Amino acid sequence: MALSTHTTPSGFLLPSIHSAPPFFTQQPNPSTSTSFTDQWIKLILGYARHRRLFYLRVEDAETSGNDWDEVLKNQRINRKVLPQYLEHILSLMVAKNVAVYDPAKQTRAVLLYWRLPEEWAETLHEWATSTGQLNTIMTFYDITDPPVESPLSGIPLPLLRKAINVLSKTNQAQILLWQMGRE
């Protein structure tokens, strides 16, 4: 089979390297390995942005029928990413600061940064400005599940907190804490 691009059912264009059987296995040659893992990282982040996926777990390579099947498997060439290789790719993503282990202190699941926290902070500020929410007290729920869908709809709380922390460093946002039942 010749290398060719392929459009998934979700409309994502897979690069031609995705149709190469060696792409799905960890390569012993350091140069090839680096090239393939860099391409995997780009592919994972691009697909996550396309589908608005925030988490990737090693178990996504172990099971079928999940959001990641279109990328982690290629039925046309009967290949899939092995869990050990995906765990290696995830570790490189964390090292490159395009993902963080979530929850912390484990290495099998990551929160993906297809937008960096600084970019989410900018998106949050633009959204608050355009919707008249500046200088308004809002809950995390108000931001992640607004009545009208926004670029922040569904953003995981750990990522939203990081974005707010970026804005708080320039006094553009702050987190207010209160306890229930206290005046």
Protein backbone atom coordinates (compact mmCIF):
# COMPACT_ATOMS: atom_id res chain seq x y z
CA MET A 1 0.00 0.00 0.00
CA ALA A 2 1.38 3.40 -0.95
CA LEU A 3 1.58 6.12 1.67
CA SER A 4 -1.42 8.39 1.38
CA THR A 5 -3.39 10.84 3.43
CA HIS A 6 -6.78 9.75 4.72
CA THR A 7 -9.78 11.66 6.03
CA THR A 8 -11.37 10.12 9.12
CA PRO A 9 -15.14 9.87 9.65
CA SER A 10 -14.87 12.92 11.96
CA GLY A 11 -13.33 14.92 9.09
CA PHE A 12 -9.73 14.97 10.33
CA LEU A 13 -7.05 14.61 7.66
CA LEU A 14 -4.48 12.02 8.72
CA PRO A 15 -0.99 12.59 7.30
CA SER A 16 0.51 10.06 4.92
CA ILE A 17 2.93 8.81 7.61
CA HIS A 18 -0.15 7.36 9.36
CA SER A 19 -0.35 4.75 6.58
CA ALA A 20 3.23 3.54 7.20
CA PRO A 21 3.30 0.40 9.39
CA PRO A 22 6.59 1.36 11.17
CA PHE A 23 4.94 4.58 12.41
CA PHE A 24 2.95 2.52 14.92
CA THR A 25 5.97 0.98 16.67
CA GLN A 26 8.81 2.47 18.67
CA GLN A 27 11.85 2.63 16.43
CA PRO A 28 15.34 1.52 17.56
CA ASN A 29 17.16 4.13 15.45
CA PRO A 30 17.33 7.35 17.54
CA SER A 31 16.89 9.65 14.54
CA THR A 32 13.85 7.76 13.22
CA SER A 33 12.43 7.47 16.72
CA THR A 34 12.70 11.22 17.29
CA SER A 35 11.11 11.96 13.93
CA PHE A 36 8.21 9.56 14.52
CA THR A 37 7.51 10.72 18.09
CA ASP A 38 7.57 14.37 16.98
CA GLN A 39 5.05 13.48 14.27
CA TRP A 40 2.92 11.57 16.79
CA ILE A 41 2.90 14.59 19.11
CA LYS A 42 1.84 16.90 16.27
CA LEU A 43 -0.82 14.39 15.16
CA ILE A 44 -2.22 13.90 18.69
CA LEU A 45 -2.42 17.64 19.39
CA GLY A 46 -3.97 18.38 16.00
CA TYR A 47 -6.56 15.65 16.41
CA ALA A 48 -7.33 16.72 19.99
CA ARG A 49 -7.92 20.29 18.80
CA HIS A 50 -10.11 19.05 15.92
CA ARG A 51 -12.26 16.91 18.24
CA ARG A 52 -11.90 19.17 21.34
CA LEU A 53 -10.41 16.29 23.32
CA PHE A 54 -8.52 17.20 26.46
CA TYR A 55 -7.37 13.86 27.86
CA LEU A 56 -5.40 10.97 26.44
CA ARG A 57 -4.90 7.77 28.42
CA VAL A 58 -2.74 4.72 27.75
CA GLU A 59 -5.92 2.67 28.06
CA ASP A 60 -7.14 4.42 24.88
CA ALA A 61 -4.55 2.31 23.03
CA GLU A 62 -5.66 -0.82 24.91
CA THR A 63 -9.38 -0.58 24.16
CA SER A 64 -11.58 -0.03 21.12
CA GLY A 65 -14.56 2.20 20.59
CA ASN A 66 -13.12 5.35 22.15
CA ASP A 67 -12.56 8.89 20.86
CA TRP A 68 -8.97 8.13 19.89
CA ASP A 69 -9.52 5.10 17.63
CA GLU A 70 -9.23 7.17 14.44
CA VAL A 71 -5.66 8.16 15.34
CA LEU A 72 -4.26 5.36 17.48
CA LYS A 73 -5.40 2.65 15.07
CA ASN A 74 -5.23 2.20 11.32
CA GLN A 75 -7.46 -0.66 10.23
CA ARG A 76 -6.49 -0.13 6.58
CA ILE A 77 -2.99 -1.48 7.39
CA ASN A 78 -3.96 -3.52 10.47
CA ARG A 79 -1.83 -1.46 12.88
CA LYS A 80 -2.33 0.19 16.24
CA VAL A 81 -0.14 1.98 18.75
CA LEU A 82 0.95 -0.32 21.54
CA PRO A 83 0.30 0.91 25.08
CA GLN A 84 4.03 1.00 25.96
CA TYR A 85 4.77 3.18 22.94
CA LEU A 86 1.89 5.53 23.77
CA GLU A 87 3.20 5.80 27.34
CA HIS A 88 6.59 6.79 25.88
CA ILE A 89 4.95 9.40 23.61
CA LEU A 90 3.01 10.80 26.58
CA SER A 91 6.23 11.13 28.59
CA LEU A 92 7.80 13.11 25.75
CA MET A 93 4.73 15.34 25.53
CA VAL A 94 5.04 16.10 29.24
CA ALA A 95 8.77 16.80 28.82
CA LYS A 96 7.97 19.23 25.99
CA ASN A 97 5.28 20.98 28.10
CA VAL A 98 2.46 20.19 25.69
CA ALA A 99 0.78 17.94 28.27
CA VAL A 100 0.76 17.31 32.01
CA TYR A 101 0.08 14.11 33.87
CA ASP A 102 -3.45 14.27 35.22
CA PRO A 103 -3.90 13.15 37.85
CA ALA A 104 -0.37 13.88 38.99
CA LYS A 105 1.99 11.14 40.25
CA GLN A 106 1.11 8.64 37.51
CA THR A 107 2.24 8.20 33.89
CA ARG A 108 -0.76 6.72 32.11
CA ALA A 109 -3.00 9.76 31.53
CA VAL A 110 -2.35 13.32 30.42
CA LEU A 111 -4.19 16.59 30.06
CA LEU A 112 -3.31 17.84 26.58
CA TYR A 113 -2.27 21.40 25.83
CA TRP A 114 -3.45 21.79 22.25
CA ARG A 115 -3.66 25.35 23.45
CA LEU A 116 -1.14 26.38 26.08
CA PRO A 117 -2.48 27.82 29.36
CA GLU A 118 -1.34 31.25 28.17
CA GLU A 119 -3.43 30.86 25.01
CA TRP A 120 -6.43 29.74 27.08
CA ALA A 121 -5.90 32.81 29.27
CA GLU A 122 -6.09 35.03 26.19
CA THR A 123 -9.19 33.17 25.00
CA LEU A 124 -10.79 33.59 28.43
CA HIS A 125 -10.06 37.32 28.50
CA GLU A 126 -11.38 37.80 24.96
CA TRP A 127 -14.54 35.85 25.82
CA ALA A 128 -15.11 37.82 29.04
CA THR A 129 -14.63 41.08 27.14
CA SER A 130 -16.88 40.17 24.21
CA THR A 131 -19.70 38.93 26.47
CA GLY A 132 -19.55 41.82 28.95
CA GLN A 133 -18.29 39.63 31.78
CA LEU A 134 -15.27 41.73 32.78
CA ASN A 135 -15.33 42.70 36.48
CA THR A 136 -18.06 40.15 37.10
CA ILE A 137 -17.92 37.37 39.65
CA MET A 138 -18.36 34.06 37.84
CA THR A 139 -18.18 30.44 38.86
CA PHE A 140 -16.10 27.86 37.04
CA TYR A 141 -19.40 26.40 35.89
CA ASP A 142 -20.44 29.76 34.37
CA ILE A 143 -17.27 29.67 32.28
CA THR A 144 -17.13 26.00 31.30
CA ASP A 145 -20.87 25.57 30.68
CA PRO A 146 -22.28 28.91 29.53
CA PRO A 147 -25.83 29.21 28.14
CA VAL A 148 -24.35 29.89 24.69
CA GLU A 149 -21.49 27.62 23.65
CA SER A 150 -18.13 29.36 23.74
CA PRO A 151 -14.49 28.50 23.03
CA LEU A 152 -14.26 27.68 26.76
CA SER A 153 -17.16 25.23 26.82
CA GLY A 154 -16.03 21.97 28.36
CA ILE A 155 -12.52 23.12 29.29
CA PRO A 156 -11.26 20.97 32.18
CA LEU A 157 -11.04 22.76 35.53
CA PRO A 158 -7.28 22.19 35.97
CA LEU A 159 -6.67 23.93 32.64
CA LEU A 160 -9.11 26.74 33.44
CA ARG A 161 -7.37 27.30 36.78
CA LYS A 162 -4.02 27.59 35.00
CA ALA A 163 -5.48 30.11 32.55
CA ILE A 164 -6.94 32.17 35.40
CA ASN A 165 -3.58 32.03 37.20
CA VAL A 166 -1.92 33.44 34.07
CA LEU A 167 -4.43 36.30 34.04
CA SER A 168 -4.09 36.88 37.78
CA LYS A 169 -0.37 37.59 37.38
CA THR A 170 -1.34 40.72 35.44
CA ASN A 171 -4.35 41.52 37.66
CA GLN A 172 -6.81 40.63 34.92
CA ALA A 173 -8.53 37.90 36.97
CA GLN A 174 -8.60 36.39 40.40
CA ILE A 175 -10.03 33.37 42.12
CA LEU A 176 -12.25 34.06 45.09
CA LEU A 177 -12.65 31.31 47.66
CA TRP A 178 -15.49 31.00 50.10
CA GLN A 179 -16.81 28.26 52.32
CA MET A 180 -20.41 27.17 52.38
CA GLY A 181 -22.26 28.18 55.54
CA ARG A 182 -19.84 30.95 56.43
CA GLU A 183 -20.72 34.61 56.33
